[in-house]
Amino acid sequence: MKISSLRYLVAFADEGSVSRAAERCHISQPTLSIALQNLEIQLGVQLIERAKGHVALTDLGHQVVAQARRALDETRRVEMVAQTGRNPLTGEFRLGVIHTIGPYLLPELIASMRRTMPAMTLYIEENMTAMQADFLKYGTVDAAIIALPFDIPGILTRPLYDEPFQVIVPQGHPWGRRKKIASEEVRGDDVLVLKAGNCFREQVLDACPDISHAEGSLHQGHSIETIRCMVASGYGISVLPASAMAGPYRSDMVRAIPFEKPEPSRRVALAWRRGFTRPQAIEALAQAVQAIENPSYRMIATT
């Protein structure tokens, strides 16, 4: 049985499409299809249902995929152990990051990593917190940058920095000249939040509990960038992480106002699997984050 066939099968399971799985594996669609058919012949079972306009894993296929993930993770561990003996800061590193952090942290982080570990090839997997937890457990990513709390069995975390929240209002809003805003003032039907399932949404509702009293009437957006545009158009107000209003993300169409102390914030951390075989890479990544000079991030000193 070829390891490549297991990789193709897992790619198909993740993508739900032969064409997308082939693209992800950098091979042609016929090559991937033949490899999956040969795997079925070798195992003597049907892993994939095939019908006109429809392909999907069989029940047995799902079980084989789960075992294939474990086998591939162990294969990666063998490769990493060998690589660690040479140089743990070379080769590939797969970094997960959640949507509300990635666009704002990654430009500076990638530049910092190029200075500290230029021989490392970085692959980014941006997704929601729940998916990052699965990616870590199944070995899809080596580490992930997430917001705490992140209590997952077998996963270690290291706090990196705290990031305050800010209220954003459109130009001409009555709060436009305010220096500070109290969290209890952020309420009413014009408050924009992210859709359910996003951890930043829950952090905002915790920080401004009066918002959640009108759960059914909340205006919702799919991303921070969508919410920023909605605020700029005068559709409402919102609460964003400070980095989303810093540097290139500043806009003359919206005004960012700090909260009164104690200001709500989120704690951003690095997460990785217990027993990960390249601890030097985790340490180097954490140091690369802490080398970033951005007033939106309040770095947490290592102990």
C-alpha atoms as a PDB file:
ATOM      1  CA  MET A   1       0.000   0.000   0.000  1.00  0.00           C
ATOM      2  CA  LYS A   2       1.423   3.364  -1.033  1.00  0.00           C
ATOM      3  CA  ILE A   3       1.512   6.277   1.388  1.00  0.00           C
ATOM      4  CA  SER A   4       0.603   8.538  -1.524  1.00  0.00           C
ATOM      5  CA  SER A   5      -2.683   6.658  -1.991  1.00  0.00           C
ATOM      6  CA  LEU A   6      -3.605   7.337   1.635  1.00  0.00           C
ATOM      7  CA  ARG A   7      -2.784  11.016   1.149  1.00  0.00           C
ATOM      8  CA  TYR A   8      -5.053  11.136  -1.901  1.00  0.00           C
ATOM      9  CA  LEU A   9      -7.856   9.459   0.021  1.00  0.00           C
ATOM     10  CA  VAL A  10      -7.583  11.923   2.914  1.00  0.00           C
ATOM     11  CA  ALA A  11      -7.471  14.833   0.466  1.00  0.00           C
ATOM     12  CA  PHE A  12     -10.664  13.548  -1.167  1.00  0.00           C
ATOM     13  CA  ALA A  13     -12.321  13.225   2.259  1.00  0.00           C
ATOM     14  CA  ASP A  14     -11.335  16.788   3.186  1.00  0.00           C
ATOM     15  CA  GLU A  15     -12.258  18.391  -0.124  1.00  0.00           C
ATOM     16  CA  GLY A  16     -15.322  16.312  -1.035  1.00  0.00           C
ATOM     17  CA  SER A  17     -14.309  16.525  -4.675  1.00  0.00           C
ATOM     18  CA  VAL A  18     -11.903  14.582  -6.875  1.00  0.00           C
ATOM     19  CA  SER A  19     -10.921  17.693  -8.817  1.00  0.00           C
ATOM     20  CA  ARG A  20     -10.208  19.775  -5.694  1.00  0.00           C
ATOM     21  CA  ALA A  21      -8.343  16.875  -4.080  1.00  0.00           C
ATOM     22  CA  ALA A  22      -6.192  16.493  -7.199  1.00  0.00           C
ATOM     23  CA  GLU A  23      -5.453  20.210  -7.199  1.00  0.00           C
ATOM     24  CA  ARG A  24      -4.485  20.077  -3.522  1.00  0.00           C
ATOM     25  CA  CYS A  25      -2.166  17.099  -4.176  1.00  0.00           C
ATOM     26  CA  HIS A  26      -0.680  18.757  -7.285  1.00  0.00           C
ATOM     27  CA  ILE A  27      -1.576  15.850  -9.575  1.00  0.00           C
ATOM     28  CA  SER A  28      -4.050  15.372 -12.413  1.00  0.00           C
ATOM     29  CA  GLN A  29      -7.617  14.306 -11.716  1.00  0.00           C
ATOM     30  CA  PRO A  30      -7.280  11.009 -13.660  1.00  0.00           C
ATOM     31  CA  THR A  31      -4.122  10.135 -11.727  1.00  0.00           C
ATOM     32  CA  LEU A  32      -5.895  10.626  -8.401  1.00  0.00           C
ATOM     33  CA  SER A  33      -8.978   8.690  -9.535  1.00  0.00           C
ATOM     34  CA  ILE A  34      -6.889   5.729 -10.689  1.00  0.00           C
ATOM     35  CA  ALA A  35      -4.900   5.742  -7.435  1.00  0.00           C
ATOM     36  CA  LEU A  36      -8.120   5.613  -5.392  1.00  0.00           C
ATOM     37  CA  GLN A  37      -9.509   2.805  -7.544  1.00  0.00           C
ATOM     38  CA  ASN A  38      -6.264   0.829  -7.142  1.00  0.00           C
ATOM     39  CA  LEU A  39      -6.466   1.342  -3.376  1.00  0.00           C
ATOM     40  CA  GLU A  40      -9.975  -0.096  -3.364  1.00  0.00           C
ATOM     41  CA  ILE A  41      -8.801  -3.081  -5.423  1.00  0.00           C
ATOM     42  CA  GLN A  42      -5.867  -3.639  -3.082  1.00  0.00           C
ATOM     43  CA  LEU A  43      -8.074  -3.486   0.014  1.00  0.00           C
ATOM     44  CA  GLY A  44     -10.899  -5.431  -1.628  1.00  0.00           C
ATOM     45  CA  VAL A  45     -13.592  -2.987  -0.482  1.00  0.00           C
ATOM     46  CA  GLN A  46     -15.460   0.009  -1.897  1.00  0.00           C
ATOM     47  CA  LEU A  47     -14.387   3.258  -0.285  1.00  0.00           C
ATOM     48  CA  ILE A  48     -16.167   5.727  -2.563  1.00  0.00           C
ATOM     49  CA  GLU A  49     -19.704   5.835  -3.932  1.00  0.00           C
ATOM     50  CA  ARG A  50     -19.679   6.883  -7.587  1.00  0.00           C
ATOM     51  CA  ALA A  51     -22.732   8.039  -9.488  1.00  0.00           C
ATOM     52  CA  LYS A  52     -23.387  10.574 -12.203  1.00  0.00           C
ATOM     53  CA  GLY A  53     -22.698  13.970 -10.669  1.00  0.00           C
ATOM     54  CA  HIS A  54     -22.058  12.491  -7.222  1.00  0.00           C
ATOM     55  CA  VAL A  55     -19.069  10.996  -5.413  1.00  0.00           C
ATOM     56  CA  ALA A  56     -18.868  10.428  -1.658  1.00  0.00           C
ATOM     57  CA  LEU A  57     -17.195   8.211   0.899  1.00  0.00           C
ATOM     58  CA  THR A  58     -18.954   5.026   1.939  1.00  0.00           C
ATOM     59  CA  ASP A  59     -19.419   4.304   5.639  1.00  0.00           C
ATOM     60  CA  LEU A  60     -16.403   1.997   5.466  1.00  0.00           C
ATOM     61  CA  GLY A  61     -14.545   4.697   3.570  1.00  0.00           C
ATOM     62  CA  HIS A  62     -14.978   7.072   6.514  1.00  0.00           C
ATOM     63  CA  GLN A  63     -13.465   4.459   8.838  1.00  0.00           C
ATOM     64  CA  VAL A  64     -10.508   3.882   6.514  1.00  0.00           C
ATOM     65  CA  VAL A  65      -9.937   7.651   6.243  1.00  0.00           C
ATOM     66  CA  ALA A  66      -9.776   7.956  10.042  1.00  0.00           C
ATOM     67  CA  GLN A  67      -7.114   5.237  10.168  1.00  0.00           C
ATOM     68  CA  ALA A  68      -5.297   6.763   7.186  1.00  0.00           C
ATOM     69  CA  ARG A  69      -5.039  10.087   9.039  1.00  0.00           C
ATOM     70  CA  ARG A  70      -3.352   8.341  11.943  1.00  0.00           C
ATOM     71  CA  ALA A  71      -1.001   6.485   9.617  1.00  0.00           C
ATOM     72  CA  LEU A  72      -0.037   9.692   7.802  1.00  0.00           C
ATOM     73  CA  ASP A  73       0.538  11.478  11.096  1.00  0.00           C
ATOM     74  CA  GLU A  74       2.903   8.730  12.193  1.00  0.00           C
ATOM     75  CA  THR A  75       4.669   8.916   8.825  1.00  0.00           C
ATOM     76  CA  ARG A  76       5.149  12.660   9.315  1.00  0.00           C
ATOM     77  CA  ARG A  77       6.548  11.974  12.775  1.00  0.00           C
ATOM     78  CA  VAL A  78       9.156   9.641  11.253  1.00  0.00           C
ATOM     79  CA  GLU A  79      10.104  12.353   8.767  1.00  0.00           C
ATOM     80  CA  MET A  80      10.220  15.006  11.467  1.00  0.00           C
ATOM     81  CA  VAL A  81      12.352  12.908  13.784  1.00  0.00           C
ATOM     82  CA  ALA A  82      14.884  12.496  10.989  1.00  0.00           C
ATOM     83  CA  GLN A  83      14.671  16.184  10.143  1.00  0.00           C
ATOM     84  CA  THR A  84      15.134  17.214  13.776  1.00  0.00           C
ATOM     85  CA  GLY A  85      18.480  15.430  13.785  1.00  0.00           C
ATOM     86  CA  ARG A  86      19.574  17.689  10.968  1.00  0.00           C
ATOM     87  CA  ASN A  87      17.994  21.084  11.618  1.00  0.00           C
ATOM     88  CA  PRO A  88      14.539  21.596  13.196  1.00  0.00           C
ATOM     89  CA  LEU A  89      14.272  25.058  11.625  1.00  0.00           C
ATOM     90  CA  THR A  90      14.358  23.767   8.051  1.00  0.00           C
ATOM     91  CA  GLY A  91      11.778  22.011   5.923  1.00  0.00           C
ATOM     92  CA  GLU A  92       8.024  22.515   5.968  1.00  0.00           C
ATOM     93  CA  PHE A  93       5.999  23.980   8.811  1.00  0.00           C
ATOM     94  CA  ARG A  94       2.208  23.986   8.622  1.00  0.00           C
ATOM     95  CA  LEU A  95       0.700  26.811  10.633  1.00  0.00           C
ATOM     96  CA  GLY A  96      -2.997  27.164  11.344  1.00  0.00           C
ATOM     97  CA  VAL A  97      -4.500  30.550  12.166  1.00  0.00           C
ATOM     98  CA  ILE A  98      -8.058  31.669  12.833  1.00  0.00           C
ATOM     99  CA  HIS A  99      -9.825  34.099  10.491  1.00  0.00           C
ATOM    100  CA  THR A 100      -9.971  37.016  12.939  1.00  0.00           C
ATOM    101  CA  ILE A 101      -6.209  36.915  13.539  1.00  0.00           C
ATOM    102  CA  GLY A 102      -4.672  35.830  10.231  1.00  0.00           C
ATOM    103  CA  PRO A 103      -5.088  38.915   8.013  1.00  0.00           C
ATOM    104  CA  TYR A 104      -3.688  41.250  10.668  1.00  0.00           C
ATOM    105  CA  LEU A 105      -0.884  39.202  12.222  1.00  0.00           C
ATOM    106  CA  LEU A 106       0.447  37.187   9.283  1.00  0.00           C
ATOM    107  CA  PRO A 107       2.081  39.958   7.201  1.00  0.00           C
ATOM    108  CA  GLU A 108       4.289  40.957  10.122  1.00  0.00           C
ATOM    109  CA  LEU A 109       4.759  37.387  11.372  1.00  0.00           C
ATOM    110  CA  ILE A 110       5.893  36.062   7.999  1.00  0.00           C
ATOM    111  CA  ALA A 111       8.414  38.889   7.703  1.00  0.00           C
ATOM    112  CA  SER A 112       9.670  38.140  11.218  1.00  0.00           C
ATOM    113  CA  MET A 113       9.954  34.416  10.491  1.00  0.00           C
ATOM    114  CA  ARG A 114      11.950  35.077   7.338  1.00  0.00           C
ATOM    115  CA  ARG A 115      14.494  36.874   9.479  1.00  0.00           C
ATOM    116  CA  THR A 116      14.701  34.221  12.207  1.00  0.00           C
ATOM    117  CA  MET A 117      14.190  30.984  10.222  1.00  0.00           C
ATOM    118  CA  PRO A 118      14.801  31.704   6.531  1.00  0.00           C
ATOM    119  CA  ALA A 119      15.245  28.016   5.642  1.00  0.00           C
ATOM    120  CA  MET A 120      11.749  27.056   6.797  1.00  0.00           C
ATOM    121  CA  THR A 121       8.919  26.751   4.244  1.00  0.00           C
ATOM    122  CA  LEU A 122       5.684  28.001   5.792  1.00  0.00           C
ATOM    123  CA  TYR A 123       2.225  26.738   4.792  1.00  0.00           C
ATOM    124  CA  ILE A 124      -0.811  28.579   6.142  1.00  0.00           C
ATOM    125  CA  GLU A 125      -4.174  26.980   6.954  1.00  0.00           C
ATOM    126  CA  GLU A 126      -6.728  29.668   7.827  1.00  0.00           C
ATOM    127  CA  ASN A 127      -9.969  28.447   9.376  1.00  0.00           C
ATOM    128  CA  MET A 128     -12.285  28.680  12.364  1.00  0.00           C
ATOM    129  CA  THR A 129     -11.254  27.649  15.873  1.00  0.00           C
ATOM    130  CA  ALA A 130     -13.180  24.363  15.843  1.00  0.00           C
ATOM    131  CA  MET A 131     -11.489  23.331  12.604  1.00  0.00           C
ATOM    132  CA  GLN A 132      -8.044  24.291  13.937  1.00  0.00           C
ATOM    133  CA  ALA A 133      -8.659  21.961  16.886  1.00  0.00           C
ATOM    134  CA  ASP A 134      -9.327  19.101  14.464  1.00  0.00           C
ATOM    135  CA  PHE A 135      -6.346  20.045  12.295  1.00  0.00           C
ATOM    136  CA  LEU A 136      -4.075  19.853  15.339  1.00  0.00           C
ATOM    137  CA  LYS A 137      -5.497  16.535  16.542  1.00  0.00           C
ATOM    138  CA  TYR A 138      -5.212  14.923  13.107  1.00  0.00           C
ATOM    139  CA  GLY A 139      -1.804  16.379  12.265  1.00  0.00           C
ATOM    140  CA  THR A 140      -3.050  18.556   9.394  1.00  0.00           C
ATOM    141  CA  VAL A 141      -1.148  21.480  10.951  1.00  0.00           C
ATOM    142  CA  ASP A 142       1.931  21.485  13.174  1.00  0.00           C
ATOM    143  CA  ALA A 143       0.803  24.434  15.288  1.00  0.00           C
ATOM    144  CA  ALA A 144      -2.005  26.979  15.326  1.00  0.00           C
ATOM    145  CA  ILE A 145      -2.451  30.559  16.440  1.00  0.00           C
ATOM    146  CA  ILE A 146      -5.774  30.820  18.255  1.00  0.00           C
ATOM    147  CA  ALA A 147      -7.537  32.844  20.951  1.00  0.00           C
ATOM    148  CA  LEU A 148      -7.858  31.426  24.453  1.00  0.00           C
ATOM    149  CA  PRO A 149      -9.566  29.561  25.999  1.00  0.00           C
ATOM    150  CA  PHE A 150      -8.581  26.534  23.920  1.00  0.00           C
ATOM    151  CA  ASP A 151      -8.882  23.489  26.140  1.00  0.00           C
ATOM    152  CA  ILE A 152      -8.302  20.462  23.912  1.00  0.00           C
ATOM    153  CA  PRO A 153      -6.982  17.135  25.300  1.00  0.00           C
ATOM    154  CA  GLY A 154      -3.450  16.455  24.115  1.00  0.00           C
ATOM    155  CA  ILE A 155      -2.890  20.059  22.974  1.00  0.00           C
ATOM    156  CA  LEU A 156      -0.472  22.455  24.671  1.00  0.00           C
ATOM    157  CA  THR A 157      -0.793  26.242  24.522  1.00  0.00           C
ATOM    158  CA  ARG A 158       1.571  29.155  25.070  1.00  0.00           C
ATOM    159  CA  PRO A 159       0.175  32.700  25.480  1.00  0.00           C
ATOM    160  CA  LEU A 160       1.726  35.167  23.035  1.00  0.00           C
ATOM    161  CA  TYR A 161       0.007  38.522  23.499  1.00  0.00           C
ATOM    162  CA  ASP A 162      -3.108  40.340  24.662  1.00  0.00           C
ATOM    163  CA  GLU A 163      -5.054  42.455  22.178  1.00  0.00           C
ATOM    164  CA  PRO A 164      -7.603  45.074  23.298  1.00  0.00           C
ATOM    165  CA  PHE A 165     -10.949  45.581  21.589  1.00  0.00           C
ATOM    166  CA  GLN A 166     -12.164  48.890  20.176  1.00  0.00           C
ATOM    167  CA  VAL A 167     -15.566  50.282  19.306  1.00  0.00           C
ATOM    168  CA  ILE A 168     -15.883  51.405  15.691  1.00  0.00           C
ATOM    169  CA  VAL A 169     -18.482  53.897  14.483  1.00  0.00           C
ATOM    170  CA  PRO A 170     -19.113  55.558  11.106  1.00  0.00           C
ATOM    171  CA  GLN A 171     -18.056  59.130  10.446  1.00  0.00           C
ATOM    172  CA  GLY A 172     -20.675  61.543  11.767  1.00  0.00           C
ATOM    173  CA  HIS A 173     -21.824  59.194  14.532  1.00  0.00           C
ATOM    174  CA  PRO A 174     -22.640  60.940  17.867  1.00  0.00           C
ATOM    175  CA  TRP A 175     -19.799  58.984  19.505  1.00  0.00           C
ATOM    176  CA  GLY A 176     -17.283  60.212  16.939  1.00  0.00           C
ATOM    177  CA  ARG A 177     -15.720  62.752  19.331  1.00  0.00           C
ATOM    178  CA  ARG A 178     -15.642  60.440  22.361  1.00  0.00           C
ATOM    179  CA  LYS A 179     -12.268  59.520  23.852  1.00  0.00           C
ATOM    180  CA  LYS A 180     -13.489  56.375  25.620  1.00  0.00           C
ATOM    181  CA  ILE A 181     -16.542  54.110  25.632  1.00  0.00           C
ATOM    182  CA  ALA A 182     -17.835  52.008  28.533  1.00  0.00           C
ATOM    183  CA  SER A 183     -18.634  48.413  27.611  1.00  0.00           C
ATOM    184  CA  GLU A 184     -22.182  48.703  28.968  1.00  0.00           C
ATOM    185  CA  GLU A 185     -22.884  51.508  26.482  1.00  0.00           C
ATOM    186  CA  VAL A 186     -22.467  49.126  23.533  1.00  0.00           C
ATOM    187  CA  ARG A 187     -26.010  47.821  23.148  1.00  0.00           C
ATOM    188  CA  GLY A 188     -29.074  48.122  20.971  1.00  0.00           C
ATOM    189  CA  ASP A 189     -30.201  46.930  17.563  1.00  0.00           C
ATOM    190  CA  ASP A 190     -27.472  48.660  15.567  1.00  0.00           C
ATOM    191  CA  VAL A 191     -24.553  46.589  16.916  1.00  0.00           C
ATOM    192  CA  LEU A 192     -22.903  44.402  14.265  1.00  0.00           C
ATOM    193  CA  VAL A 193     -21.310  41.082  15.268  1.00  0.00           C
ATOM    194  CA  LEU A 194     -19.875  38.049  13.498  1.00  0.00           C
ATOM    195  CA  LYS A 195     -22.142  35.104  12.766  1.00  0.00           C
ATOM    196  CA  ALA A 196     -22.481  32.252  15.267  1.00  0.00           C
ATOM    197  CA  GLY A 197     -19.620  29.764  15.404  1.00  0.00           C
ATOM    198  CA  ASN A 198     -16.880  32.386  15.522  1.00  0.00           C
ATOM    199  CA  CYS A 199     -15.011  32.665  18.813  1.00  0.00           C
ATOM    200  CA  PHE A 200     -14.523  36.439  18.419  1.00  0.00           C
ATOM    201  CA  ARG A 201     -18.304  36.870  18.356  1.00  0.00           C
ATOM    202  CA  GLU A 202     -18.541  35.138  21.737  1.00  0.00           C
ATOM    203  CA  GLN A 203     -15.729  37.298  23.138  1.00  0.00           C
ATOM    204  CA  VAL A 204     -17.551  40.463  22.051  1.00  0.00           C
ATOM    205  CA  LEU A 205     -20.830  39.288  23.592  1.00  0.00           C
ATOM    206  CA  ASP A 206     -18.988  38.469  26.831  1.00  0.00           C
ATOM    207  CA  ALA A 207     -17.318  41.898  26.844  1.00  0.00           C
ATOM    208  CA  CYS A 208     -20.569  43.751  26.119  1.00  0.00           C
ATOM    209  CA  PRO A 209     -23.285  41.597  27.728  1.00  0.00           C
ATOM    210  CA  ASP A 210     -26.089  44.037  26.945  1.00  0.00           C
ATOM    211  CA  ILE A 211     -25.722  43.151  23.247  1.00  0.00           C
ATOM    212  CA  SER A 212     -26.865  39.576  23.791  1.00  0.00           C
ATOM    213  CA  HIS A 213     -30.167  40.713  25.279  1.00  0.00           C
ATOM    214  CA  ALA A 214     -31.424  41.254  21.723  1.00  0.00           C
ATOM    215  CA  GLU A 215     -30.002  38.100  20.161  1.00  0.00           C
ATOM    216  CA  GLY A 216     -32.688  37.801  17.510  1.00  0.00           C
ATOM    217  CA  SER A 217     -32.195  41.350  16.252  1.00  0.00           C
ATOM    218  CA  LEU A 218     -28.408  41.344  15.978  1.00  0.00           C
ATOM    219  CA  HIS A 219     -26.973  42.466  12.671  1.00  0.00           C
ATOM    220  CA  GLN A 220     -24.418  39.880  11.613  1.00  0.00           C
ATOM    221  CA  GLY A 221     -21.502  39.696   9.184  1.00  0.00           C
ATOM    222  CA  HIS A 222     -19.418  36.835   7.837  1.00  0.00           C
ATOM    223  CA  SER A 223     -16.054  38.521   8.431  1.00  0.00           C
ATOM    224  CA  ILE A 224     -14.396  41.461  10.142  1.00  0.00           C
ATOM    225  CA  GLU A 225     -13.854  43.097   6.762  1.00  0.00           C
ATOM    226  CA  THR A 226     -17.581  42.815   5.950  1.00  0.00           C
ATOM    227  CA  ILE A 227     -18.469  44.334   9.305  1.00  0.00           C
ATOM    228  CA  ARG A 228     -16.003  47.198   8.761  1.00  0.00           C
ATOM    229  CA  CYS A 229     -17.647  47.979   5.394  1.00  0.00           C
ATOM    230  CA  MET A 230     -21.121  47.827   6.935  1.00  0.00           C
ATOM    231  CA  VAL A 231     -20.080  50.263   9.662  1.00  0.00           C
ATOM    232  CA  ALA A 232     -18.466  52.574   7.097  1.00  0.00           C
ATOM    233  CA  SER A 233     -21.763  52.646   5.177  1.00  0.00           C
ATOM    234  CA  GLY A 234     -23.609  53.757   8.322  1.00  0.00           C
ATOM    235  CA  TYR A 235     -25.387  50.452   8.868  1.00  0.00           C
ATOM    236  CA  GLY A 236     -24.413  50.254  12.534  1.00  0.00           C
ATOM    237  CA  ILE A 237     -21.524  50.149  15.013  1.00  0.00           C
ATOM    238  CA  SER A 238     -19.309  47.244  16.067  1.00  0.00           C
ATOM    239  CA  VAL A 239     -16.456  45.993  18.227  1.00  0.00           C
ATOM    240  CA  LEU A 240     -13.211  44.880  16.550  1.00  0.00           C
ATOM    241  CA  PRO A 241      -9.746  43.781  17.718  1.00  0.00           C
ATOM    242  CA  ALA A 242      -7.290  46.688  17.726  1.00  0.00           C
ATOM    243  CA  SER A 243      -5.127  45.167  14.957  1.00  0.00           C
ATOM    244  CA  ALA A 244      -8.093  45.295  12.571  1.00  0.00           C
ATOM    245  CA  MET A 245      -8.001  49.096  12.778  1.00  0.00           C
ATOM    246  CA  ALA A 246      -4.220  49.594  12.718  1.00  0.00           C
ATOM    247  CA  GLY A 247      -1.747  50.284   9.916  1.00  0.00           C
ATOM    248  CA  PRO A 248      -3.159  49.592   6.436  1.00  0.00           C
ATOM    249  CA  TYR A 249      -6.579  48.822   7.925  1.00  0.00           C
ATOM    250  CA  ARG A 250      -7.213  52.400   9.089  1.00  0.00           C
ATOM    251  CA  SER A 251     -10.053  54.095   7.244  1.00  0.00           C
ATOM    252  CA  ASP A 252     -11.290  57.679   7.138  1.00  0.00           C
ATOM    253  CA  MET A 253     -14.819  56.323   6.908  1.00  0.00           C
ATOM    254  CA  VAL A 254     -14.808  54.822  10.413  1.00  0.00           C
ATOM    255  CA  ARG A 255     -13.611  55.973  13.812  1.00  0.00           C
ATOM    256  CA  ALA A 256     -12.047  53.594  16.356  1.00  0.00           C
ATOM    257  CA  ILE A 257     -12.669  54.426  20.019  1.00  0.00           C
ATOM    258  CA  PRO A 258     -10.932  52.644  22.937  1.00  0.00           C
ATOM    259  CA  PHE A 259     -12.916  51.140  25.789  1.00  0.00           C
ATOM    260  CA  GLU A 260     -12.736  52.480  29.311  1.00  0.00           C
ATOM    261  CA  LYS A 261     -10.618  50.419  31.688  1.00  0.00           C
ATOM    262  CA  PRO A 262     -10.748  47.580  32.336  1.00  0.00           C
ATOM    263  CA  GLU A 263     -10.869  47.328  28.568  1.00  0.00           C
ATOM    264  CA  PRO A 264     -12.032  44.031  27.063  1.00  0.00           C
ATOM    265  CA  SER A 265      -9.373  42.092  25.182  1.00  0.00           C
ATOM    266  CA  ARG A 266      -8.475  38.669  23.887  1.00  0.00           C
ATOM    267  CA  ARG A 267      -5.429  36.552  24.695  1.00  0.00           C
ATOM    268  CA  VAL A 268      -3.806  35.067  21.614  1.00  0.00           C
ATOM    269  CA  ALA A 269      -1.783  31.879  21.997  1.00  0.00           C
ATOM    270  CA  LEU A 270       0.218  29.299  20.099  1.00  0.00           C
ATOM    271  CA  ALA A 271      -1.145  25.735  20.248  1.00  0.00           C
ATOM    272  CA  TRP A 272       0.557  22.455  19.312  1.00  0.00           C
ATOM    273  CA  ARG A 273       0.275  18.730  19.951  1.00  0.00           C
ATOM    274  CA  ARG A 274       1.848  17.265  23.052  1.00  0.00           C
ATOM    275  CA  GLY A 275       4.901  15.300  21.925  1.00  0.00           C
ATOM    276  CA  PHE A 276       5.449  17.368  18.774  1.00  0.00           C
ATOM    277  CA  THR A 277       8.936  16.434  17.619  1.00  0.00           C
ATOM    278  CA  ARG A 278      10.213  19.912  16.721  1.00  0.00           C
ATOM    279  CA  PRO A 279       9.999  21.949  19.946  1.00  0.00           C
ATOM    280  CA  GLN A 280      12.735  24.261  18.642  1.00  0.00           C
ATOM    281  CA  ALA A 281      10.413  25.299  15.811  1.00  0.00           C
ATOM    282  CA  ILE A 282       7.637  26.102  18.303  1.00  0.00           C
ATOM    283  CA  GLU A 283      10.048  28.221  20.332  1.00  0.00           C
ATOM    284  CA  ALA A 284      11.341  29.998  17.221  1.00  0.00           C
ATOM    285  CA  LEU A 285       7.781  30.725  16.085  1.00  0.00           C
ATOM    286  CA  ALA A 286       6.875  32.174  19.477  1.00  0.00           C
ATOM    287  CA  GLN A 287       9.991  34.352  19.398  1.00  0.00           C
ATOM    288  CA  ALA A 288       9.123  35.523  15.881  1.00  0.00           C
ATOM    289  CA  VAL A 289       5.723  36.699  17.160  1.00  0.00           C
ATOM    290  CA  GLN A 290       7.262  38.473  20.127  1.00  0.00           C
ATOM    291  CA  ALA A 291       9.720  40.277  17.860  1.00  0.00           C
ATOM    292  CA  ILE A 292       6.812  42.070  16.150  1.00  0.00           C
ATOM    293  CA  GLU A 293       6.536  45.747  17.057  1.00  0.00           C
ATOM    294  CA  ASN A 294       2.865  46.608  16.850  1.00  0.00           C
ATOM    295  CA  PRO A 295       1.067  48.709  19.497  1.00  0.00           C
ATOM    296  CA  SER A 296      -2.053  46.588  19.014  1.00  0.00           C
ATOM    297  CA  TYR A 297      -0.263  43.614  20.601  1.00  0.00           C
ATOM    298  CA  ARG A 298       0.738  43.570  24.267  1.00  0.00           C
ATOM    299  CA  MET A 299       3.353  40.843  24.285  1.00  0.00           C
ATOM    300  CA  ILE A 300       3.426  38.402  27.191  1.00  0.00           C
ATOM    301  CA  ALA A 301       6.908  37.797  28.529  1.00  0.00           C
ATOM    302  CA  THR A 302       7.967  34.168  28.734  1.00  0.00           C
ATOM    303  CA  THR A 303       8.687  32.785  32.189  1.00  0.00           C
END
